[in-house]
Each structure stands twice: as structure tokens, then as C-alpha cells.
């Protein structure tokens, strides 16, 4: 299990702000909260993105 903080997720996805990450969390991306900090498990992020991908 590899936990990433929100800054690492932002950088990995190429976002310039945290707003898109918070939107993903609102839409069901699982978050691990330890104390006041939030982390996202890398495999969960990949699975969530795949589940949200739409083929047109």
C-alpha cells in the first residue's frame, strides 16, 4: 500500500491547484485521514480514475 498526500496526487495528475482533487473526493475517491492530514492510496486512485473513464 502506497499512500500519497494531496500534494503528491496533485503533482502526479498534473493539476495546478487542489480544487480538482477535492472534486474527485466529493465524487467518491476514497481518502485515508490520519490526524488532520488526508492521504490517497495510489492503487485506489488508479482504480477510481479507470472507473470514471468514459469511452465515446
N, C-alpha and C. Protein backbone atom coordinates (compact mmCIF):
# COMPACT_ATOMS: atom_id res chain seq x y z
N UNK A 1 0.85 -1.17 0.00
CA UNK A 1 0.00 0.00 0.00
C UNK A 1 0.89 1.23 0.00
N UNK A 2 0.66 2.11 -0.96
CA UNK A 2 1.42 3.36 -1.04
C UNK A 2 0.47 4.53 -0.86
N UNK A 3 0.62 5.24 0.25
CA UNK A 3 -0.21 6.41 0.50
C UNK A 3 0.48 7.65 -0.05
N UNK A 4 -0.31 8.50 -0.68
CA UNK A 4 0.21 9.76 -1.22
C UNK A 4 -0.55 10.90 -0.58
N UNK A 5 0.16 11.98 -0.23
CA UNK A 5 -0.55 13.14 0.27
C UNK A 5 -1.17 13.89 -0.92
N UNK A 6 -2.00 14.88 -0.63
CA UNK A 6 -2.72 15.55 -1.70
C UNK A 6 -1.78 16.30 -2.64
N UNK A 7 -0.66 16.79 -2.14
CA UNK A 7 0.31 17.46 -3.00
C UNK A 7 0.89 16.48 -4.01
N UNK A 8 1.19 15.28 -3.56
CA UNK A 8 1.74 14.26 -4.46
C UNK A 8 0.70 13.86 -5.52
N UNK A 9 -0.56 13.77 -5.12
CA UNK A 9 -1.63 13.45 -6.07
C UNK A 9 -1.76 14.57 -7.09
N UNK A 10 -1.75 15.81 -6.60
CA UNK A 10 -1.85 16.97 -7.49
C UNK A 10 -0.72 16.95 -8.52
N UNK A 11 0.50 16.72 -8.07
CA UNK A 11 1.64 16.69 -8.97
C UNK A 11 1.57 15.52 -9.95
N UNK A 12 1.16 14.35 -9.47
CA UNK A 12 1.06 13.17 -10.32
C UNK A 12 0.05 13.39 -11.45
N UNK A 13 -1.08 14.01 -11.12
CA UNK A 13 -2.13 14.22 -12.12
C UNK A 13 -1.91 15.48 -12.95
N UNK A 14 -0.94 16.29 -12.57
CA UNK A 14 -0.62 17.49 -13.35
C UNK A 14 -1.54 18.67 -13.09
N UNK A 15 -2.20 18.68 -11.95
CA UNK A 15 -3.07 19.81 -11.61
C UNK A 15 -2.24 20.94 -11.01
N UNK A 16 -2.71 22.18 -11.19
CA UNK A 16 -2.02 23.33 -10.63
C UNK A 16 -2.61 23.74 -9.28
N UNK A 17 -3.81 23.23 -8.97
CA UNK A 17 -4.44 23.56 -7.69
C UNK A 17 -5.01 22.27 -7.09
N UNK A 18 -5.51 22.41 -5.87
CA UNK A 18 -6.09 21.25 -5.17
C UNK A 18 -7.58 21.09 -5.46
N UNK A 19 -8.20 22.08 -6.11
CA UNK A 19 -9.64 22.06 -6.35
C UNK A 19 -10.10 20.80 -7.10
N UNK A 20 -9.41 20.39 -8.18
CA UNK A 20 -9.85 19.16 -8.86
C UNK A 20 -9.74 17.91 -7.98
N UNK A 21 -8.77 17.89 -7.09
CA UNK A 21 -8.62 16.73 -6.20
C UNK A 21 -9.78 16.69 -5.21
N UNK A 22 -10.16 17.84 -4.67
CA UNK A 22 -11.29 17.89 -3.75
C UNK A 22 -12.58 17.49 -4.48
N UNK A 23 -12.69 17.83 -5.76
CA UNK A 23 -13.85 17.42 -6.55
C UNK A 23 -13.88 15.90 -6.72
N UNK A 24 -12.71 15.29 -6.95
CA UNK A 24 -12.65 13.83 -7.06
C UNK A 24 -13.07 13.18 -5.75
N UNK A 25 -12.64 13.75 -4.64
CA UNK A 25 -13.01 13.22 -3.32
C UNK A 25 -14.52 13.33 -3.12
N UNK A 26 -15.10 14.47 -3.51
CA UNK A 26 -16.56 14.64 -3.41
C UNK A 26 -17.30 13.61 -4.26
N UNK A 27 -16.67 13.20 -5.35
CA UNK A 27 -17.30 12.23 -6.26
C UNK A 27 -17.02 10.78 -5.90
N UNK A 28 -16.37 10.56 -4.74
CA UNK A 28 -16.23 9.20 -4.25
C UNK A 28 -14.83 8.64 -4.16
N UNK A 29 -13.81 9.42 -4.47
CA UNK A 29 -12.44 8.93 -4.33
C UNK A 29 -12.16 8.67 -2.86
N UNK A 30 -11.78 7.43 -2.50
CA UNK A 30 -11.54 7.11 -1.09
C UNK A 30 -10.34 7.86 -0.52
N UNK A 31 -10.48 8.33 0.71
CA UNK A 31 -9.43 9.09 1.39
C UNK A 31 -9.13 8.44 2.73
N UNK A 32 -7.85 8.39 3.07
CA UNK A 32 -7.42 7.93 4.39
C UNK A 32 -7.06 9.18 5.19
N UNK A 33 -7.71 9.36 6.34
CA UNK A 33 -7.42 10.52 7.18
C UNK A 33 -6.63 10.05 8.40
N UNK A 34 -5.47 10.64 8.58
CA UNK A 34 -4.62 10.36 9.74
C UNK A 34 -4.38 11.70 10.42
N UNK A 35 -4.96 11.85 11.59
CA UNK A 35 -4.89 13.15 12.25
C UNK A 35 -5.68 14.16 11.43
N UNK A 36 -5.02 15.24 11.06
CA UNK A 36 -5.67 16.27 10.25
C UNK A 36 -5.29 16.17 8.77
N UNK A 37 -4.48 15.20 8.45
CA UNK A 37 -3.99 15.07 7.07
C UNK A 37 -4.75 14.00 6.31
N UNK A 38 -4.90 14.25 5.00
CA UNK A 38 -5.59 13.30 4.13
C UNK A 38 -4.59 12.67 3.17
N UNK A 39 -4.78 11.39 2.95
CA UNK A 39 -3.93 10.64 2.03
C UNK A 39 -4.80 9.82 1.10
N UNK A 40 -4.26 9.55 -0.08
CA UNK A 40 -4.96 8.74 -1.05
C UNK A 40 -4.05 7.57 -1.41
N UNK A 41 -4.61 6.39 -1.39
CA UNK A 41 -3.85 5.19 -1.71
C UNK A 41 -3.69 5.12 -3.23
N UNK A 42 -2.47 4.95 -3.70
CA UNK A 42 -2.16 5.05 -5.14
C UNK A 42 -2.99 4.08 -5.98
N UNK A 43 -3.13 2.84 -5.53
CA UNK A 43 -3.92 1.86 -6.30
C UNK A 43 -5.39 2.27 -6.36
N UNK A 44 -5.91 2.83 -5.25
CA UNK A 44 -7.30 3.30 -5.24
C UNK A 44 -7.49 4.45 -6.23
N UNK A 45 -6.52 5.34 -6.31
CA UNK A 45 -6.58 6.45 -7.26
C UNK A 45 -6.64 5.93 -8.68
N UNK A 46 -5.77 4.99 -9.01
CA UNK A 46 -5.75 4.43 -10.36
C UNK A 46 -7.06 3.72 -10.68
N UNK A 47 -7.57 2.96 -9.72
CA UNK A 47 -8.84 2.26 -9.93
C UNK A 47 -9.99 3.24 -10.09
N UNK A 48 -10.01 4.29 -9.28
CA UNK A 48 -11.07 5.30 -9.37
C UNK A 48 -11.05 5.99 -10.73
N UNK A 49 -9.88 6.37 -11.19
CA UNK A 49 -9.78 7.04 -12.49
C UNK A 49 -10.26 6.12 -13.61
N UNK A 50 -9.88 4.85 -13.56
CA UNK A 50 -10.34 3.89 -14.56
C UNK A 50 -11.86 3.75 -14.54
N UNK A 51 -12.45 3.75 -13.34
CA UNK A 51 -13.90 3.59 -13.23
C UNK A 51 -14.65 4.82 -13.73
N UNK A 52 -13.99 5.97 -13.75
CA UNK A 52 -14.62 7.21 -14.18
C UNK A 52 -14.39 7.50 -15.66
N UNK A 53 -13.54 6.70 -16.31
CA UNK A 53 -13.21 6.93 -17.71
C UNK A 53 -14.38 6.53 -18.60
N UNK A 54 -14.75 7.42 -19.50
CA UNK A 54 -15.84 7.17 -20.42
C UNK A 54 -15.29 7.04 -21.83
N UNK A 55 -15.70 6.00 -22.51
CA UNK A 55 -15.29 5.80 -23.90
C UNK A 55 -16.41 6.27 -24.80
N UNK A 56 -16.06 7.15 -25.72
CA UNK A 56 -17.09 7.69 -26.64
C UNK A 56 -16.85 7.24 -28.05
